[in-house]
C-alpha atoms as a PDB file:
ATOM      1  CA  MET A   1     162.568 -20.353 -37.539  1.00  0.00           C
ATOM      2  CA  SER A   2     161.440 -19.128 -40.960  1.00  0.00           C
ATOM      3  CA  ASN A   3     160.714 -22.697 -42.041  1.00  0.00           C
ATOM      4  CA  ALA A   4     158.759 -23.483 -38.878  1.00  0.00           C
ATOM      5  CA  THR A   5     155.216 -24.785 -39.196  1.00  0.00           C
ATOM      6  CA  THR A   6     152.609 -23.401 -36.817  1.00  0.00           C
ATOM      7  CA  GLN A   7     150.489 -25.882 -34.907  1.00  0.00           C
ATOM      8  CA  GLY A   8     147.248 -24.803 -33.329  1.00  0.00           C
ATOM      9  CA  VAL A   9     144.225 -26.305 -31.622  1.00  0.00           C
ATOM     10  CA  TYR A  10     141.677 -28.796 -32.847  1.00  0.00           C
ATOM     11  CA  LEU A  11     138.473 -30.205 -31.410  1.00  0.00           C
ATOM     12  CA  SER A  12     137.607 -33.851 -30.861  1.00  0.00           C
ATOM     13  CA  THR A  13     135.354 -35.848 -28.589  1.00  0.00           C
ATOM     14  CA  PRO A  14     136.889 -37.308 -25.409  1.00  0.00           C
ATOM     15  CA  THR A  15     138.353 -40.763 -25.849  1.00  0.00           C
ATOM     16  CA  GLN A  16     136.457 -43.772 -24.534  1.00  0.00           C
ATOM     17  CA  ASP A  17     139.010 -44.561 -21.822  1.00  0.00           C
ATOM     18  CA  LEU A  18     138.159 -41.293 -20.033  1.00  0.00           C
ATOM     19  CA  PHE A  19     134.601 -42.456 -19.345  1.00  0.00           C
ATOM     20  CA  THR A  20     135.544 -44.595 -16.355  1.00  0.00           C
ATOM     21  CA  TRP A  21     135.138 -44.055 -12.620  1.00  0.00           C
ATOM     22  CA  PRO A  22     138.225 -42.180 -11.302  1.00  0.00           C
ATOM     23  CA  SER A  23     139.153 -44.644  -8.577  1.00  0.00           C
ATOM     24  CA  GLY A  24     142.741 -44.787  -7.356  1.00  0.00           C
ATOM     25  CA  HIS A  25     143.526 -41.434  -8.950  1.00  0.00           C
ATOM     26  CA  PRO A  26     146.787 -39.955  -7.580  1.00  0.00           C
ATOM     27  CA  LEU A  27     146.569 -36.827  -5.449  1.00  0.00           C
ATOM     28  CA  TYR A  28     147.979 -33.740  -7.137  1.00  0.00           C
ATOM     29  CA  ASN A  29     150.191 -31.236  -5.369  1.00  0.00           C
ATOM     30  CA  GLY A  30     148.566 -28.782  -2.997  1.00  0.00           C
ATOM     31  CA  PRO A  31     149.251 -25.169  -2.058  1.00  0.00           C
ATOM     32  CA  GLY A  32     152.873 -25.747  -1.114  1.00  0.00           C
ATOM     33  CA  GLU A  33     154.595 -27.001   2.007  1.00  0.00           C
ATOM     34  CA  GLY A  34     154.569 -24.549   4.877  1.00  0.00           C
ATOM     35  CA  THR A  35     151.611 -22.497   3.666  1.00  0.00           C
ATOM     36  CA  PHE A  36     148.451 -22.017   5.718  1.00  0.00           C
ATOM     37  CA  LEU A  37     146.559 -25.318   6.272  1.00  0.00           C
ATOM     38  CA  SER A  38     148.777 -27.101   3.755  1.00  0.00           C
ATOM     39  CA  GLN A  39     149.341 -29.884   6.305  1.00  0.00           C
ATOM     40  CA  TYR A  40     145.639 -30.736   6.060  1.00  0.00           C
ATOM     41  CA  HIS A  41     145.607 -30.942   2.279  1.00  0.00           C
ATOM     42  CA  GLU A  42     145.315 -34.719   2.153  1.00  0.00           C
ATOM     43  CA  PHE A  43     142.572 -34.674   4.804  1.00  0.00           C
ATOM     44  CA  PHE A  44     140.410 -32.143   2.960  1.00  0.00           C
ATOM     45  CA  MET A  45     140.885 -34.007  -0.308  1.00  0.00           C
ATOM     46  CA  ASP A  46     139.144 -37.043   1.200  1.00  0.00           C
ATOM     47  CA  VAL A  47     135.698 -37.120  -0.428  1.00  0.00           C
ATOM     48  CA  ARG A  48     134.090 -37.958   2.917  1.00  0.00           C
ATOM     49  CA  VAL A  49     134.915 -34.483   4.220  1.00  0.00           C
ATOM     50  CA  PRO A  50     132.840 -32.369   1.769  1.00  0.00           C
ATOM     51  CA  ILE A  51     130.059 -34.979   1.645  1.00  0.00           C
ATOM     52  CA  THR A  52     129.743 -35.029   5.440  1.00  0.00           C
ATOM     53  CA  ILE A  53     129.849 -31.249   5.845  1.00  0.00           C
ATOM     54  CA  ALA A  54     127.406 -30.678   2.969  1.00  0.00           C
ATOM     55  CA  ALA A  55     124.998 -33.305   4.340  1.00  0.00           C
ATOM     56  CA  VAL A  56     125.121 -31.909   7.893  1.00  0.00           C
ATOM     57  CA  TYR A  57     124.639 -28.389   6.532  1.00  0.00           C
ATOM     58  CA  ALA A  58     121.646 -29.283   4.331  1.00  0.00           C
ATOM     59  CA  THR A  59     120.009 -31.347   7.083  1.00  0.00           C
ATOM     60  CA  SER A  60     120.501 -28.632   9.689  1.00  0.00           C
ATOM     61  CA  VAL A  61     119.049 -25.980   7.392  1.00  0.00           C
ATOM     62  CA  HIS A  62     116.026 -28.193   6.682  1.00  0.00           C
ATOM     63  CA  ILE A  63     115.371 -28.599  10.414  1.00  0.00           C
ATOM     64  CA  CYS A  64     115.831 -24.888  11.114  1.00  0.00           C
ATOM     65  CA  ASN A  65     113.512 -23.975   8.241  1.00  0.00           C
ATOM     66  CA  ARG A  66     110.780 -26.139   9.748  1.00  0.00           C
ATOM     67  CA  ILE A  67     111.202 -24.282  13.030  1.00  0.00           C
ATOM     68  CA  ARG A  68     111.152 -20.930  11.266  1.00  0.00           C
ATOM     69  CA  LYS A  69     107.775 -21.743   9.702  1.00  0.00           C
ATOM     70  CA  THR A  70     106.099 -21.191  13.057  1.00  0.00           C
ATOM     71  CA  ASN A  71     108.731 -19.241  14.955  1.00  0.00           C
ATOM     72  CA  LYS A  72     110.027 -16.238  13.061  1.00  0.00           C
ATOM     73  CA  GLU A  73     111.350 -14.472  16.129  1.00  0.00           C
ATOM     74  CA  PRO A  74     114.995 -13.435  15.590  1.00  0.00           C
ATOM     75  CA  LEU A  75     117.525 -14.850  18.006  1.00  0.00           C
ATOM     76  CA  ALA A  76     118.444 -12.540  20.865  1.00  0.00           C
ATOM     77  CA  ILE A  77     122.062 -12.418  19.691  1.00  0.00           C
ATOM     78  CA  SER A  78     120.990 -10.982  16.323  1.00  0.00           C
ATOM     79  CA  LYS A  79     119.953  -7.771  18.108  1.00  0.00           C
ATOM     80  CA  THR A  80     123.337  -7.219  19.735  1.00  0.00           C
ATOM     81  CA  ALA A  81     126.198  -4.984  18.647  1.00  0.00           C
ATOM     82  CA  PHE A  82     128.454  -8.043  18.563  1.00  0.00           C
ATOM     83  CA  PHE A  83     126.268  -9.672  15.887  1.00  0.00           C
ATOM     84  CA  ARG A  84     126.130  -6.509  13.780  1.00  0.00           C
ATOM     85  CA  TRP A  85     129.912  -6.199  13.896  1.00  0.00           C
ATOM     86  CA  PHE A  86     130.315  -9.867  13.044  1.00  0.00           C
ATOM     87  CA  VAL A  87     128.064  -9.526   9.980  1.00  0.00           C
ATOM     88  CA  LEU A  88     129.969  -6.447   8.843  1.00  0.00           C
ATOM     89  CA  LEU A  89     133.407  -8.038   9.285  1.00  0.00           C
ATOM     90  CA  HIS A  90     132.145 -11.275   7.697  1.00  0.00           C
ATOM     91  CA  ASN A  91     131.155  -9.414   4.534  1.00  0.00           C
ATOM     92  CA  ILE A  92     134.287  -7.264   4.453  1.00  0.00           C
ATOM     93  CA  GLY A  93     136.493 -10.313   4.940  1.00  0.00           C
ATOM     94  CA  LEU A  94     134.892 -12.308   2.124  1.00  0.00           C
ATOM     95  CA  CYS A  95     134.952  -9.256  -0.161  1.00  0.00           C
ATOM     96  CA  VAL A  96     138.685  -8.710   0.400  1.00  0.00           C
ATOM     97  CA  TYR A  97     139.470 -12.434   0.164  1.00  0.00           C
ATOM     98  CA  SER A  98     137.517 -12.785  -3.100  1.00  0.00           C
ATOM     99  CA  ALA A  99     139.306  -9.779  -4.600  1.00  0.00           C
ATOM    100  CA  TRP A 100     142.670 -11.251  -3.535  1.00  0.00           C
ATOM    101  CA  THR A 101     141.783 -14.558  -5.195  1.00  0.00           C
ATOM    102  CA  PHE A 102     140.598 -12.903  -8.405  1.00  0.00           C
ATOM    103  CA  ILE A 103     143.705 -10.728  -8.713  1.00  0.00           C
ATOM    104  CA  GLY A 104     146.018 -13.618  -7.881  1.00  0.00           C
ATOM    105  CA  MET A 105     144.408 -15.977 -10.388  1.00  0.00           C
ATOM    106  CA  THR A 106     144.198 -13.496 -13.270  1.00  0.00           C
ATOM    107  CA  SER A 107     147.797 -12.394 -12.791  1.00  0.00           C
ATOM    108  CA  GLY A 108     148.847 -16.054 -12.543  1.00  0.00           C
ATOM    109  CA  ILE A 109     147.102 -16.907 -15.805  1.00  0.00           C
ATOM    110  CA  SER A 110     148.617 -13.897 -17.569  1.00  0.00           C
ATOM    111  CA  LYS A 111     152.113 -14.742 -16.325  1.00  0.00           C
ATOM    112  CA  THR A 112     151.791 -18.398 -17.275  1.00  0.00           C
ATOM    113  CA  VAL A 113     150.588 -17.632 -20.792  1.00  0.00           C
ATOM    114  CA  TYR A 114     153.520 -15.251 -21.262  1.00  0.00           C
ATOM    115  CA  GLU A 115     156.073 -17.793 -19.984  1.00  0.00           C
ATOM    116  CA  ILE A 116     154.727 -20.667 -22.094  1.00  0.00           C
ATOM    117  CA  SER A 117     154.595 -18.475 -25.194  1.00  0.00           C
ATOM    118  CA  ASN A 118     158.249 -17.583 -24.738  1.00  0.00           C
ATOM    119  CA  SER A 119     159.309 -21.161 -24.018  1.00  0.00           C
ATOM    120  CA  SER A 120     157.543 -22.468 -27.121  1.00  0.00           C
ATOM    121  CA  GLN A 121     159.348 -19.928 -29.291  1.00  0.00           C
ATOM    122  CA  ASN A 122     162.708 -21.005 -27.873  1.00  0.00           C
ATOM    123  CA  ALA A 123     162.013 -24.729 -28.066  1.00  0.00           C
ATOM    124  CA  GLY A 124     164.106 -25.010 -31.232  1.00  0.00           C
ATOM    125  CA  SER A 125     161.480 -27.134 -32.968  1.00  0.00           C
ATOM    126  CA  LEU A 126     160.313 -26.673 -36.519  1.00  0.00           C
ATOM    127  CA  LEU A 127     156.789 -26.969 -35.148  1.00  0.00           C
ATOM    128  CA  VAL A 128     155.685 -23.750 -33.468  1.00  0.00           C
ATOM    129  CA  ALA A 129     152.519 -23.434 -31.384  1.00  0.00           C
ATOM    130  CA  THR A 130     150.053 -20.677 -32.171  1.00  0.00           C
ATOM    131  CA  LYS A 131     148.933 -18.137 -29.543  1.00  0.00           C
ATOM    132  CA  GLY A 132     145.710 -20.058 -29.145  1.00  0.00           C
ATOM    133  CA  SER A 133     147.566 -23.301 -28.538  1.00  0.00           C
ATOM    134  CA  ASN A 134     149.836 -21.642 -25.973  1.00  0.00           C
ATOM    135  CA  PHE A 135     146.790 -20.235 -24.222  1.00  0.00           C
ATOM    136  CA  TRP A 136     145.132 -23.625 -23.937  1.00  0.00           C
ATOM    137  CA  ARG A 137     148.370 -25.253 -22.868  1.00  0.00           C
ATOM    138  CA  SER A 138     148.619 -22.672 -20.091  1.00  0.00           C
ATOM    139  CA  LEU A 139     145.174 -23.703 -18.878  1.00  0.00           C
ATOM    140  CA  CYS A 140     145.418 -27.452 -19.404  1.00  0.00           C
ATOM    141  CA  ASP A 141     149.024 -28.512 -18.792  1.00  0.00           C
ATOM    142  CA  THR A 142     149.047 -29.734 -15.189  1.00  0.00           C
ATOM    143  CA  ASN A 143     152.842 -29.718 -14.950  1.00  0.00           C
ATOM    144  CA  GLU A 144     153.716 -26.392 -16.585  1.00  0.00           C
ATOM    145  CA  GLY A 145     150.393 -24.547 -16.756  1.00  0.00           C
ATOM    146  CA  ILE A 146     148.355 -22.550 -14.261  1.00  0.00           C
ATOM    147  CA  TRP A 147     147.757 -25.531 -11.982  1.00  0.00           C
ATOM    148  CA  ASP A 148     151.383 -25.591 -10.938  1.00  0.00           C
ATOM    149  CA  LYS A 149     151.798 -21.806 -10.986  1.00  0.00           C
ATOM    150  CA  SER A 150     148.643 -20.583  -9.207  1.00  0.00           C
ATOM    151  CA  LEU A 151     145.521 -22.770  -9.400  1.00  0.00           C
ATOM    152  CA  SER A 152     146.694 -25.424  -6.932  1.00  0.00           C
ATOM    153  CA  PHE A 153     147.245 -22.619  -4.388  1.00  0.00           C
ATOM    154  CA  TYR A 154     144.224 -20.371  -4.908  1.00  0.00           C
ATOM    155  CA  GLY A 155     141.941 -23.278  -5.797  1.00  0.00           C
ATOM    156  CA  TYR A 156     142.668 -25.076  -2.516  1.00  0.00           C
ATOM    157  CA  TYR A 157     141.791 -22.045  -0.392  1.00  0.00           C
ATOM    158  CA  PHE A 158     138.781 -21.237  -2.528  1.00  0.00           C
ATOM    159  CA  TYR A 159     137.539 -24.770  -1.869  1.00  0.00           C
ATOM    160  CA  LEU A 160     138.021 -24.293   1.887  1.00  0.00           C
ATOM    161  CA  SER A 161     136.222 -20.944   1.774  1.00  0.00           C
ATOM    162  CA  LYS A 162     133.049 -22.753   0.702  1.00  0.00           C
ATOM    163  CA  PHE A 163     132.854 -24.290   4.175  1.00  0.00           C
ATOM    164  CA  TYR A 164     133.088 -20.884   5.823  1.00  0.00           C
ATOM    165  CA  GLU A 165     130.467 -19.346   3.545  1.00  0.00           C
ATOM    166  CA  VAL A 166     127.728 -21.311   5.347  1.00  0.00           C
ATOM    167  CA  PHE A 167     127.785 -18.428   7.830  1.00  0.00           C
ATOM    168  CA  ASP A 168     125.691 -16.606   5.210  1.00  0.00           C
ATOM    169  CA  THR A 169     122.911 -19.056   6.021  1.00  0.00           C
ATOM    170  CA  ILE A 170     123.515 -18.923   9.776  1.00  0.00           C
ATOM    171  CA  ILE A 171     123.110 -15.134   9.675  1.00  0.00           C
ATOM    172  CA  ILE A 172     119.811 -15.424   7.804  1.00  0.00           C
ATOM    173  CA  LEU A 173     118.424 -18.020  10.210  1.00  0.00           C
ATOM    174  CA  ALA A 174     119.543 -15.976  13.217  1.00  0.00           C
ATOM    175  CA  LYS A 175     117.537 -13.023  11.887  1.00  0.00           C
ATOM    176  CA  GLY A 176     114.374 -15.137  11.934  1.00  0.00           C
ATOM    177  CA  ARG A 177     114.166 -15.868   8.228  1.00  0.00           C
ATOM    178  CA  GLN A 178     114.222 -19.139   6.334  1.00  0.00           C
ATOM    179  CA  SER A 179     116.994 -20.263   4.016  1.00  0.00           C
ATOM    180  CA  SER A 180     115.810 -20.706   0.453  1.00  0.00           C
ATOM    181  CA  LEU A 181     116.354 -23.849  -1.592  1.00  0.00           C
ATOM    182  CA  LEU A 182     118.558 -21.727  -3.860  1.00  0.00           C
ATOM    183  CA  GLN A 183     120.939 -20.824  -1.061  1.00  0.00           C
ATOM    184  CA  THR A 184     121.066 -24.304   0.476  1.00  0.00           C
ATOM    185  CA  TYR A 185     121.700 -25.992  -2.875  1.00  0.00           C
ATOM    186  CA  HIS A 186     124.218 -23.312  -3.827  1.00  0.00           C
ATOM    187  CA  HIS A 187     126.379 -23.708  -0.724  1.00  0.00           C
ATOM    188  CA  ALA A 188     126.204 -27.507  -0.448  1.00  0.00           C
ATOM    189  CA  GLY A 189     126.873 -28.020  -4.156  1.00  0.00           C
ATOM    190  CA  ALA A 190     129.769 -25.552  -4.215  1.00  0.00           C
ATOM    191  CA  MET A 191     131.613 -27.602  -1.595  1.00  0.00           C
ATOM    192  CA  LEU A 192     131.376 -30.765  -3.684  1.00  0.00           C
ATOM    193  CA  SER A 193     132.057 -29.063  -7.017  1.00  0.00           C
ATOM    194  CA  MET A 194     135.188 -27.326  -5.789  1.00  0.00           C
ATOM    195  CA  TRP A 195     136.367 -30.545  -4.162  1.00  0.00           C
ATOM    196  CA  ALA A 196     136.043 -32.447  -7.452  1.00  0.00           C
ATOM    197  CA  GLY A 197     137.902 -29.785  -9.406  1.00  0.00           C
ATOM    198  CA  VAL A 198     140.784 -29.476  -6.938  1.00  0.00           C
ATOM    199  CA  ARG A 199     141.003 -33.183  -6.096  1.00  0.00           C
ATOM    200  CA  TYR A 200     141.481 -34.163  -9.743  1.00  0.00           C
ATOM    201  CA  ALA A 201     143.262 -30.955 -10.868  1.00  0.00           C
ATOM    202  CA  SER A 202     140.623 -30.492 -13.545  1.00  0.00           C
ATOM    203  CA  PRO A 203     141.614 -27.513 -15.747  1.00  0.00           C
ATOM    204  CA  PRO A 204     138.078 -26.011 -16.085  1.00  0.00           C
ATOM    205  CA  ILE A 205     137.953 -25.381 -12.327  1.00  0.00           C
ATOM    206  CA  TRP A 206     139.903 -22.175 -13.000  1.00  0.00           C
ATOM    207  CA  ILE A 207     136.657 -20.757 -14.389  1.00  0.00           C
ATOM    208  CA  PHE A 208     134.849 -21.471 -11.128  1.00  0.00           C
ATOM    209  CA  VAL A 209     137.625 -19.763  -9.140  1.00  0.00           C
ATOM    210  CA  VAL A 210     138.066 -16.706 -11.395  1.00  0.00           C
ATOM    211  CA  PHE A 211     134.430 -15.985 -12.276  1.00  0.00           C
ATOM    212  CA  ASN A 212     133.048 -16.766  -8.830  1.00  0.00           C
ATOM    213  CA  SER A 213     135.698 -14.748  -6.989  1.00  0.00           C
ATOM    214  CA  LEU A 214     134.895 -11.720  -9.163  1.00  0.00           C
ATOM    215  CA  ILE A 215     131.155 -12.034  -8.540  1.00  0.00           C
ATOM    216  CA  HIS A 216     131.737 -12.575  -4.824  1.00  0.00           C
ATOM    217  CA  THR A 217     133.915  -9.483  -4.644  1.00  0.00           C
ATOM    218  CA  ILE A 218     131.025  -7.400  -5.953  1.00  0.00           C
ATOM    219  CA  MET A 219     128.371  -9.318  -3.988  1.00  0.00           C
ATOM    220  CA  TYR A 220     130.055  -9.059  -0.588  1.00  0.00           C
ATOM    221  CA  PHE A 221     130.850  -5.401  -1.236  1.00  0.00           C
ATOM    222  CA  TYR A 222     127.112  -4.925  -1.786  1.00  0.00           C
ATOM    223  CA  TYR A 223     126.374  -6.806   1.447  1.00  0.00           C
ATOM    224  CA  THR A 224     128.934  -4.662   3.261  1.00  0.00           C
ATOM    225  CA  ILE A 225     127.388  -1.339   2.289  1.00  0.00           C
ATOM    226  CA  SER A 226     123.935  -2.785   3.013  1.00  0.00           C
ATOM    227  CA  ALA A 227     125.112  -3.710   6.524  1.00  0.00           C
ATOM    228  CA  LEU A 228     126.253  -0.092   6.891  1.00  0.00           C
ATOM    229  CA  LYS A 229     122.683   1.005   6.023  1.00  0.00           C
ATOM    230  CA  VAL A 230     123.831   2.697   2.818  1.00  0.00           C
ATOM    231  CA  PRO A 231     120.919   2.917   0.330  1.00  0.00           C
ATOM    232  CA  VAL A 232     121.555   0.787  -2.757  1.00  0.00           C
ATOM    233  CA  PRO A 233     119.533   1.298  -5.963  1.00  0.00           C
ATOM    234  CA  ARG A 234     117.383  -1.699  -6.839  1.00  0.00           C
ATOM    235  CA  ILE A 235     118.862  -1.775 -10.339  1.00  0.00           C
ATOM    236  CA  LEU A 236     122.290  -2.646  -8.901  1.00  0.00           C
ATOM    237  CA  LYS A 237     120.871  -5.630  -7.052  1.00  0.00           C
ATOM    238  CA  ARG A 238     119.198  -6.792 -10.258  1.00  0.00           C
ATOM    239  CA  ALA A 239     122.454  -6.313 -12.185  1.00  0.00           C
ATOM    240  CA  LEU A 240     124.288  -8.450  -9.619  1.00  0.00           C
ATOM    241  CA  THR A 241     121.790 -11.307  -9.949  1.00  0.00           C
ATOM    242  CA  THR A 242     121.988 -11.017 -13.745  1.00  0.00           C
ATOM    243  CA  ALA A 243     125.798 -11.208 -13.575  1.00  0.00           C
ATOM    244  CA  GLN A 244     125.536 -14.368 -11.478  1.00  0.00           C
ATOM    245  CA  ILE A 245     123.299 -16.005 -14.072  1.00  0.00           C
ATOM    246  CA  CYS A 246     125.664 -14.978 -16.883  1.00  0.00           C
ATOM    247  CA  GLN A 247     128.531 -16.453 -14.870  1.00  0.00           C
ATOM    248  CA  PHE A 248     126.822 -19.841 -14.849  1.00  0.00           C
ATOM    249  CA  VAL A 249     125.758 -19.795 -18.498  1.00  0.00           C
ATOM    250  CA  PHE A 250     128.992 -18.537 -20.059  1.00  0.00           C
ATOM    251  CA  GLY A 251     131.246 -20.167 -17.471  1.00  0.00           C
ATOM    252  CA  GLY A 252     129.551 -23.540 -17.867  1.00  0.00           C
ATOM    253  CA  SER A 253     129.689 -23.312 -21.660  1.00  0.00           C
ATOM    254  CA  PHE A 254     133.372 -22.367 -21.638  1.00  0.00           C
ATOM    255  CA  ALA A 255     134.099 -25.165 -19.178  1.00  0.00           C
ATOM    256  CA  LEU A 256     132.480 -27.688 -21.530  1.00  0.00           C
ATOM    257  CA  MET A 257     134.838 -26.575 -24.302  1.00  0.00           C
ATOM    258  CA  HIS A 258     137.770 -27.950 -22.313  1.00  0.00           C
ATOM    259  CA  GLY A 259     136.465 -31.461 -22.860  1.00  0.00           C
ATOM    260  CA  PHE A 260     136.961 -31.172 -26.636  1.00  0.00           C
ATOM    261  CA  ILE A 261     140.221 -29.210 -26.784  1.00  0.00           C
ATOM    262  CA  ASN A 262     143.476 -30.661 -28.116  1.00  0.00           C
ATOM    263  CA  TYR A 263     146.427 -28.259 -27.979  1.00  0.00           C
ATOM    264  CA  PHE A 264     149.930 -28.474 -29.357  1.00  0.00           C
ATOM    265  CA  ASN A 265     152.745 -28.764 -26.823  1.00  0.00           C
ATOM    266  CA  ALA A 266     155.836 -27.203 -28.386  1.00  0.00           C
ATOM    267  CA  THR A 267     158.114 -28.750 -25.762  1.00  0.00           C
ATOM    268  CA  SER A 268     157.098 -32.335 -26.457  1.00  0.00           C
ATOM    269  CA  GLY A 269     156.194 -31.706 -30.082  1.00  0.00           C
ATOM    270  CA  GLU A 270     152.884 -33.521 -29.635  1.00  0.00           C
ATOM    271  CA  TYR A 271     149.205 -32.736 -29.393  1.00  0.00           C
ATOM    272  CA  CYS A 272     147.682 -33.209 -25.930  1.00  0.00           C
ATOM    273  CA  SER A 273     144.109 -33.488 -24.753  1.00  0.00           C
ATOM    274  CA  CYS A 274     143.073 -30.836 -22.238  1.00  0.00           C
ATOM    275  CA  LEU A 275     141.312 -33.467 -20.130  1.00  0.00           C
ATOM    276  CA  ASP A 276     143.637 -36.458 -20.131  1.00  0.00           C
ATOM    277  CA  THR A 277     142.404 -38.422 -17.094  1.00  0.00           C
ATOM    278  CA  PRO A 278     139.006 -39.816 -16.025  1.00  0.00           C
ATOM    279  CA  GLY A 279     139.172 -37.656 -12.893  1.00  0.00           C
ATOM    280  CA  LYS A 280     139.427 -34.420 -14.859  1.00  0.00           C
ATOM    281  CA  LEU A 281     136.463 -35.373 -17.043  1.00  0.00           C
ATOM    282  CA  PHE A 282     134.474 -36.462 -13.979  1.00  0.00           C
ATOM    283  CA  ALA A 283     135.072 -33.104 -12.283  1.00  0.00           C
ATOM    284  CA  LEU A 284     133.907 -31.263 -15.404  1.00  0.00           C
ATOM    285  CA  ALA A 285     130.759 -33.386 -15.705  1.00  0.00           C
ATOM    286  CA  PHE A 286     129.990 -32.949 -11.995  1.00  0.00           C
ATOM    287  CA  ASN A 287     130.385 -29.165 -12.124  1.00  0.00           C
ATOM    288  CA  VAL A 288     128.238 -28.766 -15.231  1.00  0.00           C
ATOM    289  CA  SER A 289     125.560 -31.021 -13.723  1.00  0.00           C
ATOM    290  CA  TYR A 290     125.604 -28.855 -10.603  1.00  0.00           C
ATOM    291  CA  LEU A 291     125.340 -25.637 -12.604  1.00  0.00           C
ATOM    292  CA  ALA A 292     122.241 -26.638 -14.588  1.00  0.00           C
ATOM    293  CA  PRO A 293     119.760 -26.712 -11.641  1.00  0.00           C
ATOM    294  CA  LEU A 294     121.569 -23.779 -10.011  1.00  0.00           C
ATOM    295  CA  THR A 295     121.044 -21.642 -13.101  1.00  0.00           C
ATOM    296  CA  TYR A 296     117.347 -22.569 -13.139  1.00  0.00           C
ATOM    297  CA  LEU A 297     116.965 -21.591  -9.470  1.00  0.00           C
ATOM    298  CA  PHE A 298     118.694 -18.260 -10.066  1.00  0.00           C
ATOM    299  CA  VAL A 299     116.521 -17.514 -13.099  1.00  0.00           C
ATOM    300  CA  MET A 300     113.373 -18.255 -11.079  1.00  0.00           C
ATOM    301  CA  PHE A 301     114.671 -16.012  -8.299  1.00  0.00           C
ATOM    302  CA  TRP A 302     115.290 -13.262 -10.867  1.00  0.00           C
ATOM    303  CA  ILE A 303     111.756 -13.586 -12.216  1.00  0.00           C
ATOM    304  CA  ASP A 304     110.157 -13.635  -8.756  1.00  0.00           C
ATOM    305  CA  SER A 305     112.193 -10.683  -7.518  1.00  0.00           C
ATOM    306  CA  TYR A 306     112.379  -8.375 -10.521  1.00  0.00           C
ATOM    307  CA  VAL A 307     109.414  -9.306 -12.741  1.00  0.00           C
ATOM    308  CA  ARG A 308     106.620 -10.539 -10.499  1.00  0.00           C
ATOM    309  CA  GLY A 309     107.900  -8.485  -7.604  1.00  0.00           C
ATOM    310  CA  TRP A 310     108.032  -5.371  -9.799  1.00  0.00           C
ATOM    311  CA  LYS A 311     104.457  -5.914 -10.963  1.00  0.00           C
ATOM    312  CA  LYS A 312     103.280  -6.245  -7.365  1.00  0.00           C
ATOM    313  CA  GLY A 313     105.234  -3.163  -6.405  1.00  0.00           C
ATOM    314  CA  ALA A 314     103.735  -1.207  -9.303  1.00  0.00           C
ATOM    315  CA  GLN A 315     100.227  -1.577  -7.861  1.00  0.00           C
ATOM    316  CA  PRO A 316      99.144   1.301  -5.616  1.00  0.00           C
ATOM    317  CA  GLN A 317      99.247   0.203  -2.005  1.00  0.00           C
ATOM    318  CA  VAL A 318      98.019   1.891   1.140  1.00  0.00           C
ATOM    319  CA  PRO A 319     100.916   2.542   3.505  1.00  0.00           C
ATOM    320  CA  ALA A 320     100.939   0.217   6.483  1.00  0.00           C
ATOM    321  CA  LYS A 321     100.363   2.991   9.039  1.00  0.00           C
ATOM    322  CA  GLU A 322      97.380   4.405   7.138  1.00  0.00           C
ATOM    323  CA  GLN A 323      95.981   0.905   6.663  1.00  0.00           C
ATOM    324  CA  VAL A 324      95.958   0.349  10.429  1.00  0.00           C
ATOM    325  CA  ILE A 325      94.192   3.662  11.049  1.00  0.00           C
ATOM    326  CA  LYS A 326      91.637   2.947   8.323  1.00  0.00           C
ATOM    327  CA  THR A 327      90.920  -0.504   9.717  1.00  0.00           C
ATOM    328  CA  ALA A 328      90.509   0.862  13.236  1.00  0.00           C
ATOM    329  CA  GLN A 329      88.006   3.461  12.020  1.00  0.00           C
ATOM    330  CA  GLN A 330      85.821   0.898  10.251  1.00  0.00           C
ATOM    331  CA  PRO A 331      83.170  -0.821  12.397  1.00  0.00           C
ATOM    332  CA  SER A 332      83.359  -4.583  12.487  1.00  0.00           C
ATOM    333  CA  LYS A 333      80.821  -6.746  10.688  1.00  0.00           C
ATOM    334  CA  ASP A 334      79.364  -7.980  14.009  1.00  0.00           C
ATOM    335  CA  VAL A 335      78.806  -4.432  15.302  1.00  0.00           C
ATOM    336  CA  SER A 336      77.172  -3.404  12.023  1.00  0.00           C
ATOM    337  CA  ALA A 337      74.886  -6.426  12.125  1.00  0.00           C
ATOM    338  CA  ARG A 338      73.764  -5.706  15.698  1.00  0.00           C
ATOM    339  CA  THR A 339      73.076  -2.072  14.759  1.00  0.00           C
ATOM    340  CA  ARG A 340      70.887  -3.124  11.846  1.00  0.00           C
ATOM    341  CA  SER A 341      69.056  -5.604  14.091  1.00  0.00           C
ATOM    342  CA  LYS A 342      68.204  -2.930  16.653  1.00  0.00           C
ATOM    343  CA  LYS A 343      66.923  -0.595  13.960  1.00  0.00           C
ATOM    344  CA  ALA A 344      64.674  -3.366  12.625  1.00  0.00           C
END
């Protein structure tokens, strides 16, 4: 192998044939026959499923928010022990599931990179792929990369978990509060974005699964200890929101890189485009388009909560109990006016 020539990675714009509507695109393999809900893989990959659920969810939240404008009374069930236990188990379950997904995906990526690096060295070709090329092949090769080894499995369940996560909104509404535009857009868009990535086996969807599962592990752990009435420093909540924004900015930027990557496949001896079908490019474009408004909404939430909210909190305020006493001790304007009239 001393005379071997190393082949790396180069950047180029996507070819024109990729900019077409991905109609009639074949369905990629799912989580594996016999695994949980694998028999419904084809059903959930029908675009009508996420569109219908997202539309019903967004419409229902809009209606409930209108009701909550005038009626902020929590539902009776929200005051029961059953509801408190449900909220606690809901947060614990999503925390554990997210950690399981993150660990499974990261170990799958590491194992795949190692296997492809070894196979490229033993390919017997005079053209040897660099470490960078093997890394990108691990991410982009649908047949031998992470899609076949782990992403088709964890990605499918992560997509399904987006339907269950609407219980976050149900809990908020049950407590008598309104669901923000940020939360509604976040949940509805996540269903469609994950569908696009899994349906077309788009390589950048691994970023959504890995980054989001890590953030959700931390987020639902925070919700869990909050449900247990454990005091949490405000700075940790701010750090969590900041991490979510960084996830969108860096994750979205890294995802865009996939559209320009061409890696060397040592097995075939050819260069391959990371996104080689219209469906994969469509999924990338859809996810990035979803992330742009979501990032804006999160930034505005950060400003309202930790900049404007901090300034309001910095102003000296009379405690609520003292304010009530002070108000009760002050005579009303009508009483004062009548007193002045009698004196006159």
